[in-house]
């Protein structure tokens, strides 16, 4: 159901509404949308902040962590005054300052099992801004079952990547088509380090891709993996194919 736009909203979102690919109808679609953002850290902060400023109607933010001093170098939704606060509570305050019209729901726990499935089922899209493979695999499986688009991003050291999966499309791969659960390395920033602007670049792209898929314009990243080398400011694109033998979305699962 589309949301009616009042005069104040017309002014707030005027620069987006001016775009032919969005217009009033696209803005109404954004205002009626619900997006789950998993992670309120380096990626989750810019994702949520840009989706809120763009007028996405409801954001559900899930994270089980607290704000620490080492987070402030890159997690721009938090400040020194937020130390020891729940990350979801700190980010909620930031989002309300950016756009008080957006509905915010916070979940201070790691989503898993039935809780994860139920949450994914009630949203229009999921943005994976987590920092560990276990969460990424679980989110992917839930999105395939519930037939919800998933925007995936990762950033470490000076390298990042972003892609999209859409199980509603017959040709779309899933995250498990790209990565084996048995073959991955420790991807945490605490173990490997990360340059601050990198998470802003990747998180902003995730938000951009989310808006594209919600409104329905341009060419999506489904089937394409963008890889960013920050040290040399180079982008590469890899094609991703759906694996018919994938244990999550493969043919034998009826996908």
Protein backbone atom coordinates (compact mmCIF):
# COMPACT_ATOMS: atom_id res chain seq x y z
CA UNK A 1 0.00 0.00 0.00
CA UNK A 2 1.47 3.36 -1.04
CA UNK A 3 1.97 6.13 1.49
CA UNK A 4 0.51 9.55 0.74
CA UNK A 5 3.10 12.32 0.63
CA UNK A 6 2.39 15.56 2.44
CA UNK A 7 3.93 18.97 1.75
CA UNK A 8 6.72 18.57 4.31
CA UNK A 9 7.68 15.22 2.86
CA UNK A 10 7.61 16.64 -0.65
CA UNK A 11 10.19 19.17 0.52
CA UNK A 12 12.30 16.67 2.51
CA UNK A 13 12.55 14.20 -0.37
CA UNK A 14 12.40 16.73 -3.23
CA UNK A 15 15.87 15.94 -4.57
CA UNK A 16 14.95 12.27 -4.91
CA UNK A 17 11.48 12.91 -6.29
CA UNK A 18 13.07 15.03 -9.02
CA UNK A 19 14.79 11.90 -10.35
CA UNK A 20 12.84 10.25 -13.16
CA UNK A 21 13.69 6.79 -11.81
CA UNK A 22 12.09 7.59 -8.45
CA UNK A 23 9.46 10.33 -8.82
CA UNK A 24 6.53 10.43 -6.40
CA UNK A 25 5.57 6.80 -6.97
CA UNK A 26 9.06 5.60 -6.07
CA UNK A 27 9.14 7.73 -2.94
CA UNK A 28 5.79 6.31 -1.89
CA UNK A 29 7.21 2.82 -2.37
CA UNK A 30 10.17 3.64 -0.12
CA UNK A 31 7.91 5.09 2.54
CA UNK A 32 5.82 1.93 2.56
CA UNK A 33 8.83 -0.42 2.76
CA UNK A 34 10.26 -2.30 5.73
CA UNK A 35 13.95 -3.24 5.72
CA UNK A 36 15.88 -5.41 8.16
CA UNK A 37 19.48 -4.29 8.75
CA UNK A 38 21.55 -6.93 10.53
CA UNK A 39 24.48 -5.25 12.21
CA UNK A 40 24.82 -1.77 13.72
CA UNK A 41 28.54 -1.40 13.18
CA UNK A 42 30.79 -0.16 10.40
CA UNK A 43 28.51 -1.22 7.55
CA UNK A 44 25.20 -1.06 9.37
CA UNK A 45 25.61 2.58 10.41
CA UNK A 46 25.85 4.09 6.89
CA UNK A 47 23.29 1.60 5.56
CA UNK A 48 20.71 2.57 8.16
CA UNK A 49 21.53 6.28 8.05
CA UNK A 50 21.12 6.53 4.29
CA UNK A 51 17.97 4.39 4.22
CA UNK A 52 16.47 6.56 6.95
CA UNK A 53 17.41 9.80 5.19
CA UNK A 54 15.98 8.44 1.93
CA UNK A 55 12.64 7.83 3.64
CA UNK A 56 12.37 4.07 3.98
CA UNK A 57 9.26 3.73 6.12
CA UNK A 58 10.44 1.21 8.73
CA UNK A 59 13.87 -0.04 9.70
CA UNK A 60 14.45 -3.04 11.93
CA UNK A 61 17.99 -2.93 13.36
CA UNK A 62 19.44 -6.10 14.90
CA UNK A 63 22.73 -6.25 16.84
CA UNK A 64 23.76 -7.86 20.14
CA UNK A 65 26.77 -5.64 20.91
CA UNK A 66 27.60 -2.50 22.89
CA UNK A 67 29.50 0.59 21.74
CA UNK A 68 33.22 0.45 22.55
CA UNK A 69 35.95 3.04 22.08
CA UNK A 70 37.57 1.00 19.28
CA UNK A 71 34.28 1.20 17.31
CA UNK A 72 34.35 4.99 16.98
CA UNK A 73 37.09 5.02 14.32
CA UNK A 74 34.62 3.78 11.69
CA UNK A 75 31.11 3.26 13.11
CA UNK A 76 29.74 6.71 12.33
CA UNK A 77 26.31 6.20 13.90
CA UNK A 78 27.89 6.26 17.36
CA UNK A 79 29.79 8.91 19.33
CA UNK A 80 31.88 9.06 22.48
CA UNK A 81 28.74 9.88 24.46
CA UNK A 82 27.39 6.46 23.43
CA UNK A 83 30.15 4.36 24.99
CA UNK A 84 28.74 1.26 26.73
CA UNK A 85 25.29 1.87 25.23
CA UNK A 86 23.62 -0.85 23.20
CA UNK A 87 24.56 -0.28 19.57
CA UNK A 88 20.93 -0.59 18.47
CA UNK A 89 19.88 2.08 21.01
CA UNK A 90 22.70 4.42 20.01
CA UNK A 91 21.98 4.02 16.29
CA UNK A 92 18.25 4.48 16.87
CA UNK A 93 18.94 7.90 18.42
CA UNK A 94 21.07 8.86 15.42
CA UNK A 95 18.39 7.75 12.96
CA UNK A 96 15.66 9.67 14.79
CA UNK A 97 17.79 12.81 14.57
CA UNK A 98 18.19 12.25 10.82
CA UNK A 99 14.54 11.49 10.10
CA UNK A 100 11.99 11.29 12.93
CA UNK A 101 9.30 10.05 10.54
CA UNK A 102 10.97 6.67 10.03
CA UNK A 103 9.73 3.87 12.27
CA UNK A 104 12.59 2.16 14.11
CA UNK A 105 12.42 -1.28 15.70
CA UNK A 106 15.49 -2.56 17.53
CA UNK A 107 16.47 -6.13 18.35
CA UNK A 108 19.26 -6.51 20.91
CA UNK A 109 20.15 -10.12 20.29
CA UNK A 110 21.62 -12.28 17.57
CA UNK A 111 18.83 -13.36 15.28
CA UNK A 112 18.72 -17.12 14.80
CA UNK A 113 16.31 -20.01 14.40
CA UNK A 114 12.60 -19.27 14.48
CA UNK A 115 13.21 -15.66 15.53
CA UNK A 116 15.33 -15.04 12.44
CA UNK A 117 12.79 -16.66 10.13
CA UNK A 118 9.89 -14.71 11.63
CA UNK A 119 11.72 -11.40 11.34
CA UNK A 120 12.80 -11.99 7.72
CA UNK A 121 9.25 -13.04 6.82
CA UNK A 122 7.78 -9.67 7.83
CA UNK A 123 10.16 -7.39 5.90
CA UNK A 124 10.50 -6.45 2.24
CA UNK A 125 14.28 -6.74 2.15
CA UNK A 126 17.28 -7.73 4.25
CA UNK A 127 20.64 -5.93 4.32
CA UNK A 128 23.47 -8.03 5.71
CA UNK A 129 25.86 -5.70 7.52
CA UNK A 130 27.20 -8.38 9.85
CA UNK A 131 30.85 -9.26 10.35
CA UNK A 132 30.85 -13.05 10.58
CA UNK A 133 30.16 -15.95 8.25
CA UNK A 134 27.82 -17.80 10.61
CA UNK A 135 25.35 -14.92 10.55
CA UNK A 136 25.74 -14.47 6.79
CA UNK A 137 24.95 -18.11 6.07
CA UNK A 138 21.95 -18.09 8.42
CA UNK A 139 20.57 -14.89 6.88
CA UNK A 140 21.01 -16.27 3.40
CA UNK A 141 19.13 -19.47 4.23
CA UNK A 142 16.26 -17.53 5.81
CA UNK A 143 16.00 -15.19 2.81
CA UNK A 144 15.88 -18.13 0.39
CA UNK A 145 13.10 -19.81 2.38
CA UNK A 146 11.11 -16.58 2.77
CA UNK A 147 11.85 -15.39 -0.78
CA UNK A 148 13.26 -12.02 0.31
CA UNK A 149 16.00 -10.02 -1.45
CA UNK A 150 19.33 -9.89 0.38
CA UNK A 151 21.96 -7.15 -0.02
CA UNK A 152 25.33 -8.46 1.09
CA UNK A 153 28.43 -6.44 1.92
CA UNK A 154 31.80 -7.05 3.53
CA UNK A 155 34.79 -4.84 4.32
CA UNK A 156 38.17 -5.65 5.79
CA UNK A 157 41.62 -4.09 5.73
CA UNK A 158 41.41 -1.94 2.56
CA UNK A 159 39.18 -4.25 0.54
CA UNK A 160 35.43 -4.56 0.24
CA UNK A 161 32.73 -6.27 -1.74
CA UNK A 162 29.02 -5.94 -2.35
CA UNK A 163 26.40 -7.98 -4.18
CA UNK A 164 22.70 -8.78 -4.14
CA UNK A 165 20.69 -11.99 -4.10
CA UNK A 166 17.03 -12.22 -5.02
CA UNK A 167 15.47 -15.68 -4.60
CA UNK A 168 12.32 -14.45 -6.34
CA UNK A 169 14.33 -14.62 -9.58
CA UNK A 170 14.93 -18.07 -11.04
CA UNK A 171 18.47 -17.24 -12.17
CA UNK A 172 19.65 -15.63 -8.91
CA UNK A 173 22.42 -17.35 -6.98
CA UNK A 174 22.48 -17.22 -3.19
CA UNK A 175 25.31 -16.51 -0.76
CA UNK A 176 25.95 -20.24 -0.34
CA UNK A 177 26.53 -20.52 -4.11
CA UNK A 178 29.41 -18.08 -3.64
CA UNK A 179 30.97 -19.34 -0.41
CA UNK A 180 31.32 -22.79 1.13
CA UNK A 181 30.62 -23.03 4.85
CA UNK A 182 33.79 -25.09 5.21
CA UNK A 183 36.08 -22.68 3.37
CA UNK A 184 36.31 -19.24 4.89
CA UNK A 185 38.70 -17.25 7.01
CA UNK A 186 38.32 -15.04 10.05
CA UNK A 187 36.77 -11.85 8.66
CA UNK A 188 36.64 -9.73 11.80
CA UNK A 189 38.08 -6.23 11.87
CA UNK A 190 39.50 -6.91 15.34
CA UNK A 191 41.76 -9.57 13.85
CA UNK A 192 42.61 -7.93 10.52
CA UNK A 193 42.06 -4.18 10.83
CA UNK A 194 40.11 -1.87 8.52
CA UNK A 195 40.55 1.65 7.15
CA UNK A 196 37.69 3.86 8.33
CA UNK A 197 36.26 5.18 5.01
CA UNK A 198 36.09 1.68 3.53
CA UNK A 199 33.00 0.69 5.49
CA UNK A 200 31.34 3.95 4.46
CA UNK A 201 31.96 3.18 0.79
CA UNK A 202 30.60 -0.37 0.98
CA UNK A 203 27.71 0.50 3.33
CA UNK A 204 26.65 3.37 1.07
CA UNK A 205 26.63 1.02 -1.93
CA UNK A 206 24.49 -1.44 0.01
CA UNK A 207 21.99 1.32 0.77
CA UNK A 208 22.04 2.42 -2.88
CA UNK A 209 21.39 -1.12 -4.09
CA UNK A 210 18.60 -1.57 -1.54
CA UNK A 211 16.83 1.56 -2.82
CA UNK A 212 17.25 0.39 -6.43
CA UNK A 213 15.67 -2.97 -5.71
CA UNK A 214 12.87 -1.53 -3.60
CA UNK A 215 11.87 1.05 -6.21
CA UNK A 216 12.74 -1.10 -9.22
CA UNK A 217 15.12 0.80 -11.48
CA UNK A 218 18.52 0.30 -13.05
CA UNK A 219 20.49 -2.94 -13.27
CA UNK A 220 20.73 -4.86 -10.00
CA UNK A 221 23.81 -6.58 -8.63
CA UNK A 222 22.08 -9.96 -8.73
CA UNK A 223 24.59 -12.30 -10.36
CA UNK A 224 27.42 -9.76 -10.02
CA UNK A 225 29.99 -9.34 -7.25
CA UNK A 226 31.69 -5.94 -7.04
CA UNK A 227 35.14 -6.06 -5.42
CA UNK A 228 36.83 -2.86 -4.27
CA UNK A 229 40.57 -2.48 -3.76
CA UNK A 230 40.91 0.69 -1.74
CA UNK A 231 44.70 0.72 -1.80
CA UNK A 232 44.72 1.20 -5.56
CA UNK A 233 41.17 2.56 -5.94
CA UNK A 234 40.21 -0.19 -8.35
CA UNK A 235 36.93 -2.00 -8.90
CA UNK A 236 36.54 -5.49 -10.32
CA UNK A 237 33.34 -7.29 -11.23
CA UNK A 238 32.88 -11.04 -11.06
CA UNK A 239 29.92 -12.91 -12.50
CA UNK A 240 28.18 -15.26 -10.05
CA UNK A 241 26.12 -18.16 -11.33
CA UNK A 242 23.47 -20.08 -9.45
CA UNK A 243 24.78 -23.49 -8.40
CA UNK A 244 22.18 -26.18 -9.19
CA UNK A 245 23.80 -28.36 -6.51
CA UNK A 246 23.71 -25.63 -3.84
CA UNK A 247 22.39 -27.12 -0.57
CA UNK A 248 20.33 -23.95 0.07
CA UNK A 249 18.85 -22.91 -3.28
CA UNK A 250 19.77 -25.84 -5.52
CA UNK A 251 17.40 -27.73 -7.77
CA UNK A 252 16.98 -30.67 -5.44
CA UNK A 253 15.51 -28.29 -2.85
CA UNK A 254 12.75 -27.35 -5.28
CA UNK A 255 14.14 -23.86 -5.75
